[in-house]
Amino acid sequence: MDRPTAAWSTGVHGWLELVDGRAESPMESFARLDCVDHGLPPDDLQVEVRDARGLFVARADLGWRRKDGRWVLVEVDGRDVHSNPAALFADRERQNAIATRSDALLLRFAGRDVLRGGIIPNQVRRALAA
C-alpha cells in the first residue's frame, strides 16, 4: 500500500477540528457532520435537559439553542441499539419526559435518515424558525 503523500495529509488535516469524542455512535457523528456540511453545526452535543427546578430530565445527542432560549434537540436512533424492547421503552420514557417536563423540542431520526443526507439539517432549520 502506498504511503500517504504530504498533499494528502495537508488535505485531511482540516478534518481534525471536526473530531468530537462526545458522540456515542458513528451515526451521531455522521448526523453532526451532515449538519456541518449544510451550514448548521449543533451548538452542543449530549445536551442535558433539565426541568424548571433544574432537575435532570434526559440527555439528547445533538442540540441547537433557539433565539428564544429553547432547545431543538435531535436523537439519532441506530437499529442495533434502539430496536430491542428495553431500549424502545427507555426511548419512549425519555421522549415523554422531554415533552412534559421541559420546553425543548425533540426530533427523532433513524440511521437511514442520516445516510440520505440533508434530512436532519432541513428539519432542524424548520424547527429553529418555528
Protein backbone atom coordinates (compact mmCIF):
# COMPACT_ATOMS: atom_id res chain seq x y z
CA MET A 1 0.00 0.00 0.00
CA ASP A 2 1.31 3.44 -0.88
CA ARG A 3 2.13 5.81 1.94
CA PRO A 4 0.06 9.00 2.15
CA THR A 5 1.68 11.98 0.49
CA ALA A 6 2.23 15.38 2.07
CA ALA A 7 -0.57 16.79 -0.09
CA TRP A 8 -2.95 14.14 1.22
CA SER A 9 -2.07 14.80 4.84
CA THR A 10 -2.44 18.55 4.34
CA GLY A 11 -5.89 17.98 2.81
CA VAL A 12 -7.19 15.89 5.69
CA HIS A 13 -5.57 18.00 8.42
CA GLY A 14 -8.66 20.23 8.49
CA TRP A 15 -10.78 17.21 9.39
CA LEU A 16 -9.14 17.03 12.82
CA GLU A 17 -11.07 20.07 14.02
CA LEU A 18 -14.29 18.16 13.28
CA VAL A 19 -13.45 15.31 15.67
CA ASP A 20 -15.57 15.29 18.82
CA GLY A 21 -15.28 12.45 21.30
CA ARG A 22 -18.67 13.15 22.88
CA ALA A 23 -20.53 11.28 20.13
CA GLU A 24 -21.78 7.94 21.40
CA SER A 25 -22.16 6.29 18.00
CA PRO A 26 -20.95 6.63 14.43
CA MET A 27 -24.48 7.64 13.38
CA GLU A 28 -24.36 10.61 15.76
CA SER A 29 -21.08 11.68 14.18
CA PHE A 30 -22.49 11.28 10.67
CA ALA A 31 -25.57 13.31 11.65
CA ARG A 32 -23.43 16.09 13.13
CA LEU A 33 -21.16 16.21 10.07
CA ASP A 34 -24.18 16.28 7.75
CA CYS A 35 -25.43 19.32 9.67
CA VAL A 36 -21.97 20.93 9.49
CA ASP A 37 -21.90 20.28 5.73
CA HIS A 38 -25.28 22.04 5.44
CA GLY A 39 -24.10 25.08 7.39
CA LEU A 40 -25.92 24.17 10.60
CA PRO A 41 -23.44 22.85 13.17
CA PRO A 42 -25.04 21.96 16.51
CA ASP A 43 -24.47 24.27 19.45
CA ASP A 44 -23.79 21.31 21.73
CA LEU A 45 -23.62 17.52 21.92
CA GLN A 46 -25.02 15.28 24.64
CA VAL A 47 -27.26 18.12 25.80
CA GLU A 48 -28.58 17.73 29.33
CA VAL A 49 -32.25 18.64 29.58
CA ARG A 50 -33.43 19.94 32.95
CA ASP A 51 -36.86 20.81 34.26
CA ALA A 52 -37.91 24.17 35.72
CA ARG A 53 -36.42 23.17 39.10
CA GLY A 54 -33.09 22.27 37.50
CA LEU A 55 -33.55 18.53 37.89
CA PHE A 56 -32.13 16.24 35.22
CA VAL A 57 -34.75 15.03 32.73
CA ALA A 58 -32.80 13.47 29.87
CA ARG A 59 -29.83 13.85 27.57
CA ALA A 60 -30.07 14.32 23.80
CA ASP A 61 -27.48 13.59 21.10
CA LEU A 62 -27.38 16.99 19.37
CA GLY A 63 -28.79 20.39 20.30
CA TRP A 64 -29.34 23.85 18.86
CA ARG A 65 -30.33 26.81 21.02
CA ARG A 66 -33.20 28.86 19.56
CA LYS A 67 -33.28 32.65 19.80
CA ASP A 68 -36.00 32.35 22.46
CA GLY A 69 -33.65 30.22 24.59
CA ARG A 70 -35.42 26.93 23.98
CA TRP A 71 -33.54 23.92 22.64
CA VAL A 72 -34.14 21.98 19.45
CA LEU A 73 -32.83 18.52 20.23
CA VAL A 74 -32.02 15.62 17.93
CA GLU A 75 -31.89 11.96 18.85
CA VAL A 76 -30.36 9.55 16.34
CA ASP A 77 -31.68 6.02 16.79
CA GLY A 78 -29.49 3.27 15.41
CA ARG A 79 -31.21 -0.01 14.64
CA ASP A 80 -28.80 -2.21 16.61
CA VAL A 81 -29.33 -0.50 19.95
CA HIS A 82 -32.77 1.06 19.65
CA SER A 83 -34.67 -1.90 18.21
CA ASN A 84 -34.67 -4.05 21.34
CA PRO A 85 -37.71 -3.72 23.61
CA ALA A 86 -35.84 -2.34 26.63
CA ALA A 87 -34.33 0.45 24.51
CA LEU A 88 -37.70 1.25 22.93
CA PHE A 89 -39.27 1.66 26.36
CA ALA A 90 -36.36 3.82 27.56
CA ASP A 91 -36.55 5.96 24.40
CA ARG A 92 -40.28 6.47 24.88
CA GLU A 93 -39.84 7.37 28.55
CA ARG A 94 -37.07 9.87 27.72
CA GLN A 95 -39.11 11.45 24.90
CA ASN A 96 -42.18 11.79 27.11
CA ALA A 97 -40.08 13.34 29.89
CA ILE A 98 -38.64 15.91 27.50
CA ALA A 99 -42.10 16.72 26.13
CA THR A 100 -43.77 17.08 29.52
CA ARG A 101 -41.03 18.40 31.81
CA SER A 102 -39.12 20.82 29.59
CA ASP A 103 -39.71 23.38 26.88
CA ALA A 104 -37.36 21.66 24.44
CA LEU A 105 -38.45 20.38 21.05
CA LEU A 106 -37.25 16.85 20.30
CA LEU A 107 -36.74 15.50 16.78
CA ARG A 108 -36.01 11.79 16.29
CA PHE A 109 -34.23 10.27 13.34
CA ALA A 110 -33.20 6.79 12.24
CA GLY A 111 -29.91 5.80 10.71
CA ARG A 112 -31.41 5.77 7.23
CA ASP A 113 -32.31 9.47 7.63
CA VAL A 114 -28.69 10.22 8.44
CA LEU A 115 -27.37 8.28 5.47
CA ARG A 116 -29.70 10.01 2.99
CA GLY A 117 -28.14 13.37 3.87
CA GLY A 118 -29.85 16.73 4.29
CA ILE A 119 -32.87 15.34 6.14
CA ILE A 120 -31.75 16.31 9.64
CA PRO A 121 -30.43 19.81 8.88
CA ASN A 122 -33.58 20.63 6.91
CA GLN A 123 -35.86 19.56 9.77
CA VAL A 124 -33.71 21.35 12.37
CA ARG A 125 -33.73 24.53 10.29
CA ARG A 126 -37.57 24.41 10.23
CA ALA A 127 -37.72 23.82 13.98
CA LEU A 128 -35.36 26.70 14.66
CA ALA A 129 -37.51 29.02 12.55
CA ALA A 130 -40.82 27.94 14.11
